[in-house]
Full PDB file with SEQRES, HELIX, SHEET, SSBOND, CRYST1, ORIGX, SCALE, CONECT and MASTER records, all heavy atoms in Angstrom:
SEQRES   1 A   30  ILE ALA ARG GLU ALA GLN LYS LYS PRO ILE GLN GLU ILE          
SEQRES   2 A   30  GLY ALA LYS ILE GLY ILE SER ASN ASP ASP LEU LEU PRO          
SEQRES   3 A   30  TYR GLY HIS ASP                                              
HELIX    1 AA1 ALA A    2  GLU A    4  5                                   3    
HELIX    2 AA2 ILE A   10  LYS A   16  1                                   7    
HELIX    3 AA3 ASN A   21  ASP A   23  5                                   3    
CRYST1    1.000    1.000    1.000  90.00  90.00  90.00 P 1           1          
ORIGX1      1.000000  0.000000  0.000000        0.00000                         
ORIGX2      0.000000  1.000000  0.000000        0.00000                         
ORIGX3      0.000000  0.000000  1.000000        0.00000                         
SCALE1      1.000000  0.000000  0.000000        0.00000                         
SCALE2      0.000000  1.000000  0.000000        0.00000                         
SCALE3      0.000000  0.000000  1.000000        0.00000                         
ATOM      1  N   ILE A   1      18.767  26.717  -5.165  1.00  0.00           N  
ATOM      2  CA  ILE A   1      17.901  26.220  -6.296  1.00  0.00           C  
ATOM      3  C   ILE A   1      17.123  25.011  -5.825  1.00  0.00           C  
ATOM      4  O   ILE A   1      15.923  24.939  -6.090  1.00  0.00           O  
ATOM      5  CB  ILE A   1      18.827  25.853  -7.490  1.00  0.00           C  
ATOM      6  CG1 ILE A   1      19.482  27.111  -8.085  1.00  0.00           C  
ATOM      7  CG2 ILE A   1      18.029  25.134  -8.559  1.00  0.00           C  
ATOM      8  CD1 ILE A   1      20.534  26.834  -9.103  1.00  0.00           C  
ATOM      9  N   ALA A   2      17.753  24.083  -5.123  1.00  0.00           N  
ATOM     10  CA  ALA A   2      17.069  22.893  -4.659  1.00  0.00           C  
ATOM     11  C   ALA A   2      15.888  23.234  -3.708  1.00  0.00           C  
ATOM     12  O   ALA A   2      14.856  22.612  -3.734  1.00  0.00           O  
ATOM     13  CB  ALA A   2      18.060  21.971  -3.967  1.00  0.00           C  
ATOM     14  N   ARG A   3      16.134  24.268  -2.870  1.00  0.00           N  
ATOM     15  CA  ARG A   3      15.147  24.688  -1.926  1.00  0.00           C  
ATOM     16  C   ARG A   3      13.891  25.246  -2.603  1.00  0.00           C  
ATOM     17  O   ARG A   3      12.763  25.215  -2.062  1.00  0.00           O  
ATOM     18  CB  ARG A   3      15.734  25.685  -0.948  1.00  0.00           C  
ATOM     19  CG  ARG A   3      14.992  25.854   0.389  1.00  0.00           C  
ATOM     20  CD  ARG A   3      15.794  26.725   1.295  1.00  0.00           C  
ATOM     21  NE  ARG A   3      16.934  25.968   1.842  1.00  0.00           N  
ATOM     22  CZ  ARG A   3      18.116  26.500   2.187  1.00  0.00           C  
ATOM     23  NH1 ARG A   3      18.283  27.794   2.019  1.00  0.00           N  
ATOM     24  NH2 ARG A   3      19.085  25.783   2.679  1.00  0.00           N  
ATOM     25  N   GLU A   4      14.060  25.792  -3.811  1.00  0.00           N  
ATOM     26  CA  GLU A   4      12.939  26.379  -4.543  1.00  0.00           C  
ATOM     27  C   GLU A   4      12.210  25.357  -5.464  1.00  0.00           C  
ATOM     28  O   GLU A   4      11.263  25.723  -6.160  1.00  0.00           O  
ATOM     29  CB  GLU A   4      13.442  27.564  -5.422  1.00  0.00           C  
ATOM     30  CG  GLU A   4      13.997  28.694  -4.589  1.00  0.00           C  
ATOM     31  CD  GLU A   4      14.637  29.783  -5.456  1.00  0.00           C  
ATOM     32  OE1 GLU A   4      14.769  29.522  -6.700  1.00  0.00           O  
ATOM     33  OE2 GLU A   4      15.070  30.802  -4.928  1.00  0.00           O  
ATOM     34  N   ALA A   5      12.671  24.103  -5.415  1.00  0.00           N  
ATOM     35  CA  ALA A   5      12.096  23.098  -6.317  1.00  0.00           C  
ATOM     36  C   ALA A   5      10.609  22.911  -6.090  1.00  0.00           C  
ATOM     37  O   ALA A   5      10.132  22.912  -4.972  1.00  0.00           O  
ATOM     38  CB  ALA A   5      12.809  21.766  -6.104  1.00  0.00           C  
ATOM     39  N   GLN A   6       9.902  22.784  -7.208  1.00  0.00           N  
ATOM     40  CA  GLN A   6       8.447  22.471  -7.174  1.00  0.00           C  
ATOM     41  C   GLN A   6       8.291  20.997  -7.211  1.00  0.00           C  
ATOM     42  O   GLN A   6       8.020  20.370  -8.257  1.00  0.00           O  
ATOM     43  CB  GLN A   6       7.745  23.158  -8.316  1.00  0.00           C  
ATOM     44  CG  GLN A   6       7.896  24.656  -8.325  1.00  0.00           C  
ATOM     45  CD  GLN A   6       7.238  25.325  -7.123  1.00  0.00           C  
ATOM     46  OE1 GLN A   6       6.081  25.055  -6.798  1.00  0.00           O  
ATOM     47  NE2 GLN A   6       8.011  26.150  -6.418  1.00  0.00           N  
ATOM     48  N   LYS A   7       8.514  20.295  -6.067  1.00  0.00           N  
ATOM     49  CA  LYS A   7       8.460  18.857  -6.052  1.00  0.00           C  
ATOM     50  C   LYS A   7       7.050  18.335  -6.106  1.00  0.00           C  
ATOM     51  O   LYS A   7       6.114  18.999  -5.602  1.00  0.00           O  
ATOM     52  CB  LYS A   7       9.163  18.362  -4.786  1.00  0.00           C  
ATOM     53  CG  LYS A   7      10.655  18.599  -4.745  1.00  0.00           C  
ATOM     54  CD  LYS A   7      11.306  18.092  -3.460  1.00  0.00           C  
ATOM     55  CE  LYS A   7      10.917  18.975  -2.283  1.00  0.00           C  
ATOM     56  NZ  LYS A   7      11.641  18.626  -1.057  1.00  0.00           N  
ATOM     57  N   LYS A   8       6.880  17.182  -6.731  1.00  0.00           N  
ATOM     58  CA  LYS A   8       5.616  16.520  -6.758  1.00  0.00           C  
ATOM     59  C   LYS A   8       5.607  15.388  -5.735  1.00  0.00           C  
ATOM     60  O   LYS A   8       6.680  14.865  -5.364  1.00  0.00           O  
ATOM     61  CB  LYS A   8       5.341  15.930  -8.141  1.00  0.00           C  
ATOM     62  CG  LYS A   8       5.098  16.973  -9.228  1.00  0.00           C  
ATOM     63  CD  LYS A   8       4.724  16.369 -10.541  1.00  0.00           C  
ATOM     64  CE  LYS A   8       4.424  17.444 -11.600  1.00  0.00           C  
ATOM     65  NZ  LYS A   8       4.055  16.859 -12.939  1.00  0.00           N  
ATOM     66  N   PRO A   9       4.436  15.024  -5.236  1.00  0.00           N  
ATOM     67  CA  PRO A   9       4.379  13.863  -4.304  1.00  0.00           C  
ATOM     68  C   PRO A   9       5.049  12.645  -4.911  1.00  0.00           C  
ATOM     69  O   PRO A   9       4.914  12.413  -6.141  1.00  0.00           O  
ATOM     70  CB  PRO A   9       2.894  13.620  -4.083  1.00  0.00           C  
ATOM     71  CG  PRO A   9       2.305  14.908  -4.345  1.00  0.00           C  
ATOM     72  CD  PRO A   9       3.119  15.565  -5.447  1.00  0.00           C  
ATOM     73  N   ILE A  10       5.765  11.873  -4.122  1.00  0.00           N  
ATOM     74  CA  ILE A  10       6.543  10.749  -4.677  1.00  0.00           C  
ATOM     75  C   ILE A  10       5.622   9.698  -5.370  1.00  0.00           C  
ATOM     76  O   ILE A  10       6.076   9.003  -6.271  1.00  0.00           O  
ATOM     77  CB  ILE A  10       7.439  10.118  -3.588  1.00  0.00           C  
ATOM     78  CG1 ILE A  10       8.531   9.264  -4.230  1.00  0.00           C  
ATOM     79  CG2 ILE A  10       6.596   9.312  -2.627  1.00  0.00           C  
ATOM     80  CD1 ILE A  10       9.480  10.040  -5.090  1.00  0.00           C  
ATOM     81  N   GLN A  11       4.376   9.643  -4.953  1.00  0.00           N  
ATOM     82  CA  GLN A  11       3.449   8.707  -5.598  1.00  0.00           C  
ATOM     83  C   GLN A  11       3.245   9.074  -7.076  1.00  0.00           C  
ATOM     84  O   GLN A  11       3.089   8.190  -7.896  1.00  0.00           O  
ATOM     85  CB  GLN A  11       2.102   8.698  -4.867  1.00  0.00           C  
ATOM     86  CG  GLN A  11       2.158   8.034  -3.445  1.00  0.00           C  
ATOM     87  CD  GLN A  11       2.663   9.009  -2.397  1.00  0.00           C  
ATOM     88  OE1 GLN A  11       2.997  10.124  -2.673  1.00  0.00           O  
ATOM     89  NE2 GLN A  11       2.741   8.524  -1.161  1.00  0.00           N  
ATOM     90  N   GLU A  12       3.245  10.368  -7.395  1.00  0.00           N  
ATOM     91  CA  GLU A  12       3.078  10.819  -8.791  1.00  0.00           C  
ATOM     92  C   GLU A  12       4.335  10.434  -9.604  1.00  0.00           C  
ATOM     93  O   GLU A  12       4.232  10.071 -10.764  1.00  0.00           O  
ATOM     94  CB  GLU A  12       2.862  12.328  -8.859  1.00  0.00           C  
ATOM     95  CG  GLU A  12       1.502  12.770  -8.354  1.00  0.00           C  
ATOM     96  CD  GLU A  12       1.303  14.253  -8.642  1.00  0.00           C  
ATOM     97  OE1 GLU A  12       1.819  14.760  -9.664  1.00  0.00           O  
ATOM     98  OE2 GLU A  12       0.582  14.910  -7.852  1.00  0.00           O  
ATOM     99  N   ILE A  13       5.475  10.507  -8.997  1.00  0.00           N  
ATOM    100  CA  ILE A  13       6.719  10.152  -9.687  1.00  0.00           C  
ATOM    101  C   ILE A  13       6.706   8.665  -9.937  1.00  0.00           C  
ATOM    102  O   ILE A  13       7.101   8.194 -11.006  1.00  0.00           O  
ATOM    103  CB  ILE A  13       7.956  10.577  -8.840  1.00  0.00           C  
ATOM    104  CG1 ILE A  13       7.899  12.070  -8.538  1.00  0.00           C  
ATOM    105  CG2 ILE A  13       9.223  10.212  -9.594  1.00  0.00           C  
ATOM    106  CD1 ILE A  13       7.855  12.981  -9.727  1.00  0.00           C  
ATOM    107  N   GLY A  14       6.291   7.871  -8.939  1.00  0.00           N  
ATOM    108  CA  GLY A  14       6.216   6.441  -9.130  1.00  0.00           C  
ATOM    109  C   GLY A  14       5.284   6.027 -10.242  1.00  0.00           C  
ATOM    110  O   GLY A  14       5.535   5.097 -11.043  1.00  0.00           O  
ATOM    111  N   ALA A  15       4.111   6.740 -10.328  1.00  0.00           N  
ATOM    112  CA  ALA A  15       3.111   6.432 -11.350  1.00  0.00           C  
ATOM    113  C   ALA A  15       3.691   6.618 -12.753  1.00  0.00           C  
ATOM    114  O   ALA A  15       3.270   5.940 -13.671  1.00  0.00           O  
ATOM    115  CB  ALA A  15       1.886   7.337 -11.151  1.00  0.00           C  
ATOM    116  N   LYS A  16       4.656   7.522 -12.910  1.00  0.00           N  
ATOM    117  CA  LYS A  16       5.249   7.772 -14.270  1.00  0.00           C  
ATOM    118  C   LYS A  16       5.941   6.504 -14.809  1.00  0.00           C  
ATOM    119  O   LYS A  16       6.032   6.317 -15.994  1.00  0.00           O  
ATOM    120  CB  LYS A  16       6.288   8.880 -14.175  1.00  0.00           C  
ATOM    121  CG  LYS A  16       5.704  10.296 -14.102  1.00  0.00           C  
ATOM    122  CD  LYS A  16       6.825  11.322 -14.271  1.00  0.00           C  
ATOM    123  CE  LYS A  16       6.271  12.721 -14.386  1.00  0.00           C  
ATOM    124  NZ  LYS A  16       7.396  13.687 -14.665  1.00  0.00           N  
ATOM    125  N   ILE A  17       6.453   5.686 -13.885  1.00  0.00           N  
ATOM    126  CA  ILE A  17       7.139   4.463 -14.326  1.00  0.00           C  
ATOM    127  C   ILE A  17       6.413   3.195 -13.894  1.00  0.00           C  
ATOM    128  O   ILE A  17       6.975   2.091 -13.808  1.00  0.00           O  
ATOM    129  CB  ILE A  17       8.615   4.437 -13.821  1.00  0.00           C  
ATOM    130  CG1 ILE A  17       8.668   4.739 -12.327  1.00  0.00           C  
ATOM    131  CG2 ILE A  17       9.473   5.404 -14.620  1.00  0.00           C  
ATOM    132  CD1 ILE A  17      10.074   4.645 -11.729  1.00  0.00           C  
ATOM    133  N   GLY A  18       5.083   3.381 -13.614  1.00  0.00           N  
ATOM    134  CA  GLY A  18       4.222   2.238 -13.359  1.00  0.00           C  
ATOM    135  C   GLY A  18       4.322   1.617 -11.979  1.00  0.00           C  
ATOM    136  O   GLY A  18       3.887   0.498 -11.767  1.00  0.00           O  
ATOM    137  N   ILE A  19       4.782   2.360 -11.013  1.00  0.00           N  
ATOM    138  CA  ILE A  19       4.828   1.878  -9.623  1.00  0.00           C  
ATOM    139  C   ILE A  19       3.590   2.372  -8.910  1.00  0.00           C  
ATOM    140  O   ILE A  19       3.393   3.599  -8.742  1.00  0.00           O  
ATOM    141  CB  ILE A  19       6.120   2.336  -8.888  1.00  0.00           C  
ATOM    142  CG1 ILE A  19       7.363   1.990  -9.703  1.00  0.00           C  
ATOM    143  CG2 ILE A  19       6.193   1.679  -7.517  1.00  0.00           C  
ATOM    144  CD1 ILE A  19       8.659   2.460  -9.099  1.00  0.00           C  
ATOM    145  N   SER A  20       2.802   1.455  -8.420  1.00  0.00           N  
ATOM    146  CA  SER A  20       1.577   1.825  -7.702  1.00  0.00           C  
ATOM    147  C   SER A  20       1.918   2.282  -6.271  1.00  0.00           C  
ATOM    148  O   SER A  20       2.988   2.007  -5.765  1.00  0.00           O  
ATOM    149  CB  SER A  20       0.613   0.671  -7.658  1.00  0.00           C  
ATOM    150  OG  SER A  20       1.090  -0.326  -6.797  1.00  0.00           O  
ATOM    151  N   ASN A  21       0.972   2.952  -5.610  1.00  0.00           N  
ATOM    152  CA  ASN A  21       1.178   3.388  -4.253  1.00  0.00           C  
ATOM    153  C   ASN A  21       1.426   2.243  -3.308  1.00  0.00           C  
ATOM    154  O   ASN A  21       2.207   2.373  -2.346  1.00  0.00           O  
ATOM    155  CB  ASN A  21      -0.078   4.144  -3.768  1.00  0.00           C  
ATOM    156  CG  ASN A  21      -0.228   5.486  -4.475  1.00  0.00           C  
ATOM    157  OD1 ASN A  21       0.574   5.869  -5.295  1.00  0.00           O  
ATOM    158  ND2 ASN A  21      -1.321   6.185  -4.185  1.00  0.00           N  
ATOM    159  N   ASP A  22       0.827   1.069  -3.604  1.00  0.00           N  
ATOM    160  CA  ASP A  22       1.022  -0.081  -2.748  1.00  0.00           C  
ATOM    161  C   ASP A  22       2.467  -0.634  -2.769  1.00  0.00           C  
ATOM    162  O   ASP A  22       2.879  -1.337  -1.838  1.00  0.00           O  
ATOM    163  CB  ASP A  22       0.070  -1.230  -3.142  1.00  0.00           C  
ATOM    164  CG  ASP A  22      -1.387  -0.861  -2.860  1.00  0.00           C  
ATOM    165  OD1 ASP A  22      -1.632   0.026  -2.025  1.00  0.00           O  
ATOM    166  OD2 ASP A  22      -2.269  -1.491  -3.470  1.00  0.00           O  
ATOM    167  N   ASP A  23       3.185  -0.258  -3.830  1.00  0.00           N  
ATOM    168  CA  ASP A  23       4.557  -0.761  -3.951  1.00  0.00           C  
ATOM    169  C   ASP A  23       5.619   0.285  -3.596  1.00  0.00           C  
ATOM    170  O   ASP A  23       6.802   0.129  -3.890  1.00  0.00           O  
ATOM    171  CB  ASP A  23       4.806  -1.253  -5.404  1.00  0.00           C  
ATOM    172  CG  ASP A  23       4.152  -2.599  -5.662  1.00  0.00           C  
ATOM    173  OD1 ASP A  23       4.260  -3.478  -4.808  1.00  0.00           O  
ATOM    174  OD2 ASP A  23       3.474  -2.736  -6.704  1.00  0.00           O  
ATOM    175  N   LEU A  24       5.168   1.356  -2.982  1.00  0.00           N  
ATOM    176  CA  LEU A  24       6.081   2.373  -2.473  1.00  0.00           C  
ATOM    177  C   LEU A  24       6.004   2.452  -0.960  1.00  0.00           C  
ATOM    178  O   LEU A  24       4.930   2.414  -0.335  1.00  0.00           O  
ATOM    179  CB  LEU A  24       5.714   3.775  -3.063  1.00  0.00           C  
ATOM    180  CG  LEU A  24       5.951   3.997  -4.568  1.00  0.00           C  
ATOM    181  CD1 LEU A  24       5.454   5.364  -4.936  1.00  0.00           C  
ATOM    182  CD2 LEU A  24       7.427   3.852  -4.906  1.00  0.00           C  
ATOM    183  N   LEU A  25       7.168   2.525  -0.331  1.00  0.00           N  
ATOM    184  CA  LEU A  25       7.256   2.725   1.113  1.00  0.00           C  
ATOM    185  C   LEU A  25       7.796   4.170   1.293  1.00  0.00           C  
ATOM    186  O   LEU A  25       8.992   4.449   1.225  1.00  0.00           O  
ATOM    187  CB  LEU A  25       8.227   1.771   1.740  1.00  0.00           C  
ATOM    188  CG  LEU A  25       8.460   1.965   3.243  1.00  0.00           C  
ATOM    189  CD1 LEU A  25       7.219   1.768   4.045  1.00  0.00           C  
ATOM    190  CD2 LEU A  25       9.541   0.974   3.735  1.00  0.00           C  
ATOM    191  N   PRO A  26       6.861   5.152   1.515  1.00  0.00           N  
ATOM    192  CA  PRO A  26       7.296   6.545   1.544  1.00  0.00           C  
ATOM    193  C   PRO A  26       8.117   6.900   2.798  1.00  0.00           C  
ATOM    194  O   PRO A  26       7.870   6.393   3.885  1.00  0.00           O  
ATOM    195  CB  PRO A  26       5.948   7.323   1.610  1.00  0.00           C  
ATOM    196  CG  PRO A  26       4.890   6.338   1.169  1.00  0.00           C  
ATOM    197  CD  PRO A  26       5.435   5.009   1.624  1.00  0.00           C  
ATOM    198  N   TYR A  27       9.128   7.741   2.541  1.00  0.00           N  
ATOM    199  CA  TYR A  27       9.925   8.369   3.602  1.00  0.00           C  
ATOM    200  C   TYR A  27       9.626   9.829   3.512  1.00  0.00           C  
ATOM    201  O   TYR A  27      10.287  10.582   2.798  1.00  0.00           O  
ATOM    202  CB  TYR A  27      11.408   8.091   3.448  1.00  0.00           C  
ATOM    203  CG  TYR A  27      11.833   6.709   3.909  1.00  0.00           C  
ATOM    204  CD1 TYR A  27      11.423   5.559   3.227  1.00  0.00           C  
ATOM    205  CD2 TYR A  27      12.689   6.537   4.994  1.00  0.00           C  
ATOM    206  CE1 TYR A  27      11.808   4.285   3.637  1.00  0.00           C  
ATOM    207  CE2 TYR A  27      13.086   5.280   5.398  1.00  0.00           C  
ATOM    208  CZ  TYR A  27      12.651   4.178   4.719  1.00  0.00           C  
ATOM    209  OH  TYR A  27      13.045   2.916   5.123  1.00  0.00           O  
ATOM    210  N   GLY A  28       8.554  10.288   4.148  1.00  0.00           N  
ATOM    211  CA  GLY A  28       8.054  11.644   3.957  1.00  0.00           C  
ATOM    212  C   GLY A  28       7.273  11.723   2.688  1.00  0.00           C  
ATOM    213  O   GLY A  28       6.679  10.762   2.224  1.00  0.00           O  
ATOM    214  N   HIS A  29       7.270  12.938   2.052  1.00  0.00           N  
ATOM    215  CA  HIS A  29       6.447  13.134   0.877  1.00  0.00           C  
ATOM    216  C   HIS A  29       7.236  13.060  -0.428  1.00  0.00           C  
ATOM    217  O   HIS A  29       6.622  12.984  -1.515  1.00  0.00           O  
ATOM    218  CB  HIS A  29       5.821  14.570   0.931  1.00  0.00           C  
ATOM    219  CG  HIS A  29       4.945  14.760   2.147  1.00  0.00           C  
ATOM    220  ND1 HIS A  29       3.753  14.117   2.312  1.00  0.00           N  
ATOM    221  CD2 HIS A  29       5.112  15.528   3.277  1.00  0.00           C  
ATOM    222  CE1 HIS A  29       3.196  14.479   3.442  1.00  0.00           C  
ATOM    223  NE2 HIS A  29       4.017  15.317   4.063  1.00  0.00           N  
ATOM    224  N   ASP A  30       8.551  13.067  -0.374  1.00  0.00           N  
ATOM    225  CA  ASP A  30       9.316  13.199  -1.617  1.00  0.00           C  
ATOM    226  C   ASP A  30      10.385  12.172  -1.829  1.00  0.00           C  
ATOM    227  O   ASP A  30      11.270  12.298  -2.681  1.00  0.00           O  
ATOM    228  CB  ASP A  30       9.998  14.625  -1.676  1.00  0.00           C  
ATOM    229  CG  ASP A  30      10.770  14.927  -0.389  1.00  0.00           C  
ATOM    230  OD1 ASP A  30      11.017  13.999   0.422  1.00  0.00           O  
ATOM    231  OD2 ASP A  30      11.140  16.087  -0.203  1.00  0.00           O  
TER     232      ASP A  30                                                      
MASTER        0    0    0    3    0    0    0    6  231    1    0    3          
END                                                                             
């Protein structure tokens, strides 16, 4: 099930709670 997940870029997830791209240190895309 996890392998079939339709994940969104982590920047979109951060935007949902008000975290800008500048305040995220990505480890890959998710």
